[in-house]
């Protein structure tokens, strides 16, 4: 991944609304959602949402596909996986076995322990 791509992804996710949209689309998986479903799920006015969807699409975090009158949005998971790889590629100078284990997010730990 190029540094400029990583920067564009982080700039796009710096908006709380965009982060919420992306996380929602990640939860929905490959089925994605149409814009109206996103707006309803996050209680965001359609006009406001379209601005944020355009920014996410331009950063390639979200793909969009026309379905008749609607546009279906999906999270670009390969891009996020590339970003994670970019951020961790040089962990411990290329010796990941020396790196401290990263704990699971708190929510995942709570679910596992329930």
C-alpha atoms as a PDB file:
ATOM      1  CA  UNK A   1       0.000   0.000   0.000  1.00  0.00           C
ATOM      2  CA  UNK A   2       1.198   3.483  -0.792  1.00  0.00           C
ATOM      3  CA  UNK A   3       1.499   6.043   1.980  1.00  0.00           C
ATOM      4  CA  UNK A   4      -0.868   8.354   0.064  1.00  0.00           C
ATOM      5  CA  UNK A   5      -3.552   5.643   0.010  1.00  0.00           C
ATOM      6  CA  UNK A   6      -3.190   5.037   3.752  1.00  0.00           C
ATOM      7  CA  UNK A   7      -3.439   8.775   4.381  1.00  0.00           C
ATOM      8  CA  UNK A   8      -6.596   9.063   2.250  1.00  0.00           C
ATOM      9  CA  UNK A   9      -8.219   6.189   4.166  1.00  0.00           C
ATOM     10  CA  UNK A  10      -7.429   7.741   7.539  1.00  0.00           C
ATOM     11  CA  UNK A  11      -8.613  11.180   6.420  1.00  0.00           C
ATOM     12  CA  UNK A  12     -11.905   9.687   5.264  1.00  0.00           C
ATOM     13  CA  UNK A  13     -12.447   7.808   8.526  1.00  0.00           C
ATOM     14  CA  UNK A  14     -11.639  10.902  10.615  1.00  0.00           C
ATOM     15  CA  UNK A  15     -15.351  11.802  10.429  1.00  0.00           C
ATOM     16  CA  UNK A  16     -17.481  10.114  13.068  1.00  0.00           C
ATOM     17  CA  UNK A  17     -20.362   9.692  10.621  1.00  0.00           C
ATOM     18  CA  UNK A  18     -18.126   8.065   8.016  1.00  0.00           C
ATOM     19  CA  UNK A  19     -16.666   5.754  10.615  1.00  0.00           C
ATOM     20  CA  UNK A  20     -20.207   4.761  11.662  1.00  0.00           C
ATOM     21  CA  UNK A  21     -21.187   4.139   8.020  1.00  0.00           C
ATOM     22  CA  UNK A  22     -18.099   2.040   7.352  1.00  0.00           C
ATOM     23  CA  UNK A  23     -18.562  -0.054  10.510  1.00  0.00           C
ATOM     24  CA  UNK A  24     -22.232  -0.618   9.638  1.00  0.00           C
ATOM     25  CA  UNK A  25     -21.266  -1.811   6.161  1.00  0.00           C
ATOM     26  CA  UNK A  26     -18.622  -4.113   7.639  1.00  0.00           C
ATOM     27  CA  UNK A  27     -21.302  -5.665   9.871  1.00  0.00           C
ATOM     28  CA  UNK A  28     -23.574  -6.207   6.862  1.00  0.00           C
ATOM     29  CA  UNK A  29     -20.833  -8.034   4.963  1.00  0.00           C
ATOM     30  CA  UNK A  30     -20.987  -8.717   1.239  1.00  0.00           C
ATOM     31  CA  UNK A  31     -24.717  -7.941   1.028  1.00  0.00           C
ATOM     32  CA  UNK A  32     -24.087  -4.290   1.861  1.00  0.00           C
ATOM     33  CA  UNK A  33     -26.939  -1.816   2.135  1.00  0.00           C
ATOM     34  CA  UNK A  34     -28.709   0.687  -0.070  1.00  0.00           C
ATOM     35  CA  UNK A  35     -28.375   4.333   0.895  1.00  0.00           C
ATOM     36  CA  UNK A  36     -31.864   4.558   2.415  1.00  0.00           C
ATOM     37  CA  UNK A  37     -31.126   1.603   4.695  1.00  0.00           C
ATOM     38  CA  UNK A  38     -27.907   3.237   5.853  1.00  0.00           C
ATOM     39  CA  UNK A  39     -29.689   6.528   6.507  1.00  0.00           C
ATOM     40  CA  UNK A  40     -32.412   4.758   8.484  1.00  0.00           C
ATOM     41  CA  UNK A  41     -30.029   2.612  10.517  1.00  0.00           C
ATOM     42  CA  UNK A  42     -27.875   5.585  11.510  1.00  0.00           C
ATOM     43  CA  UNK A  43     -30.639   8.215  11.611  1.00  0.00           C
ATOM     44  CA  UNK A  44     -28.814  10.450   9.127  1.00  0.00           C
ATOM     45  CA  UNK A  45     -30.647  12.715   6.641  1.00  0.00           C
ATOM     46  CA  UNK A  46     -30.204  11.451   3.066  1.00  0.00           C
ATOM     47  CA  UNK A  47     -28.660  14.705   1.871  1.00  0.00           C
ATOM     48  CA  UNK A  48     -26.034  14.561   4.607  1.00  0.00           C
ATOM     49  CA  UNK A  49     -25.388  10.859   4.011  1.00  0.00           C
ATOM     50  CA  UNK A  50     -24.741  11.273   0.281  1.00  0.00           C
ATOM     51  CA  UNK A  51     -21.876  13.673   1.040  1.00  0.00           C
ATOM     52  CA  UNK A  52     -20.261  11.104   3.349  1.00  0.00           C
ATOM     53  CA  UNK A  53     -20.848   8.171   1.004  1.00  0.00           C
ATOM     54  CA  UNK A  54     -19.160  10.108  -1.786  1.00  0.00           C
ATOM     55  CA  UNK A  55     -16.101  10.716   0.413  1.00  0.00           C
ATOM     56  CA  UNK A  56     -15.935   7.030   1.406  1.00  0.00           C
ATOM     57  CA  UNK A  57     -16.260   6.001  -2.230  1.00  0.00           C
ATOM     58  CA  UNK A  58     -13.523   8.409  -3.328  1.00  0.00           C
ATOM     59  CA  UNK A  59     -11.208   6.950  -0.673  1.00  0.00           C
ATOM     60  CA  UNK A  60     -12.131   3.482  -2.047  1.00  0.00           C
ATOM     61  CA  UNK A  61     -13.312   2.369   1.405  1.00  0.00           C
ATOM     62  CA  UNK A  62     -16.755   1.713  -0.030  1.00  0.00           C
ATOM     63  CA  UNK A  63     -17.834   0.357  -3.394  1.00  0.00           C
ATOM     64  CA  UNK A  64     -21.153   1.232  -4.967  1.00  0.00           C
ATOM     65  CA  UNK A  65     -23.248  -0.725  -7.441  1.00  0.00           C
ATOM     66  CA  UNK A  66     -26.362   0.463  -9.224  1.00  0.00           C
ATOM     67  CA  UNK A  67     -29.437  -1.717  -8.606  1.00  0.00           C
ATOM     68  CA  UNK A  68     -32.314  -0.274 -10.578  1.00  0.00           C
ATOM     69  CA  UNK A  69     -33.257   2.978  -8.844  1.00  0.00           C
ATOM     70  CA  UNK A  70     -31.002   2.279  -5.870  1.00  0.00           C
ATOM     71  CA  UNK A  71     -27.301   2.218  -5.176  1.00  0.00           C
ATOM     72  CA  UNK A  72     -25.928  -0.566  -2.989  1.00  0.00           C
ATOM     73  CA  UNK A  73     -22.866   0.208  -0.881  1.00  0.00           C
ATOM     74  CA  UNK A  74     -20.377  -2.350   0.403  1.00  0.00           C
ATOM     75  CA  UNK A  75     -17.296  -2.038   2.609  1.00  0.00           C
ATOM     76  CA  UNK A  76     -14.020  -2.612   0.760  1.00  0.00           C
ATOM     77  CA  UNK A  77     -12.614  -5.189   3.165  1.00  0.00           C
ATOM     78  CA  UNK A  78      -9.501  -6.007   1.084  1.00  0.00           C
ATOM     79  CA  UNK A  79      -8.472  -2.341   1.317  1.00  0.00           C
ATOM     80  CA  UNK A  80      -8.864  -2.369   5.107  1.00  0.00           C
ATOM     81  CA  UNK A  81      -6.870  -5.605   5.327  1.00  0.00           C
ATOM     82  CA  UNK A  82      -4.134  -4.001   3.205  1.00  0.00           C
ATOM     83  CA  UNK A  83      -4.142  -1.003   5.554  1.00  0.00           C
ATOM     84  CA  UNK A  84      -3.744  -3.234   8.599  1.00  0.00           C
ATOM     85  CA  UNK A  85      -0.886  -5.036   6.842  1.00  0.00           C
ATOM     86  CA  UNK A  86       0.713  -1.695   5.970  1.00  0.00           C
ATOM     87  CA  UNK A  87       0.518  -0.553   9.588  1.00  0.00           C
ATOM     88  CA  UNK A  88       1.949  -3.766  11.001  1.00  0.00           C
ATOM     89  CA  UNK A  89       4.393  -4.819   8.267  1.00  0.00           C
ATOM     90  CA  UNK A  90       7.443  -3.717  10.182  1.00  0.00           C
ATOM     91  CA  UNK A  91       6.324  -4.805  13.610  1.00  0.00           C
ATOM     92  CA  UNK A  92       9.432  -5.286  15.760  1.00  0.00           C
ATOM     93  CA  UNK A  93      11.712  -4.580  12.773  1.00  0.00           C
ATOM     94  CA  UNK A  94      10.196  -7.393  10.740  1.00  0.00           C
ATOM     95  CA  UNK A  95      10.321  -9.934  13.574  1.00  0.00           C
ATOM     96  CA  UNK A  96       6.662 -10.286  14.551  1.00  0.00           C
ATOM     97  CA  UNK A  97       7.439 -13.121  16.966  1.00  0.00           C
ATOM     98  CA  UNK A  98       9.009 -10.461  19.223  1.00  0.00           C
ATOM     99  CA  UNK A  99       5.911  -8.274  19.219  1.00  0.00           C
ATOM    100  CA  UNK A 100       3.562  -8.204  22.162  1.00  0.00           C
ATOM    101  CA  UNK A 101       0.318 -10.020  21.468  1.00  0.00           C
ATOM    102  CA  UNK A 102      -2.459  -7.574  20.675  1.00  0.00           C
ATOM    103  CA  UNK A 103      -5.500  -8.198  22.894  1.00  0.00           C
ATOM    104  CA  UNK A 104      -8.909  -8.629  21.302  1.00  0.00           C
ATOM    105  CA  UNK A 105     -11.160  -5.565  21.404  1.00  0.00           C
ATOM    106  CA  UNK A 106     -13.005  -5.227  24.709  1.00  0.00           C
ATOM    107  CA  UNK A 107     -16.383  -6.049  23.117  1.00  0.00           C
ATOM    108  CA  UNK A 108     -15.018  -9.301  21.628  1.00  0.00           C
ATOM    109  CA  UNK A 109     -13.530 -10.289  25.006  1.00  0.00           C
ATOM    110  CA  UNK A 110     -16.864  -9.657  26.758  1.00  0.00           C
ATOM    111  CA  UNK A 111     -18.743 -11.829  24.235  1.00  0.00           C
ATOM    112  CA  UNK A 112     -16.211 -14.664  24.552  1.00  0.00           C
ATOM    113  CA  UNK A 113     -16.456 -14.599  28.343  1.00  0.00           C
ATOM    114  CA  UNK A 114     -20.277 -14.576  28.449  1.00  0.00           C
END
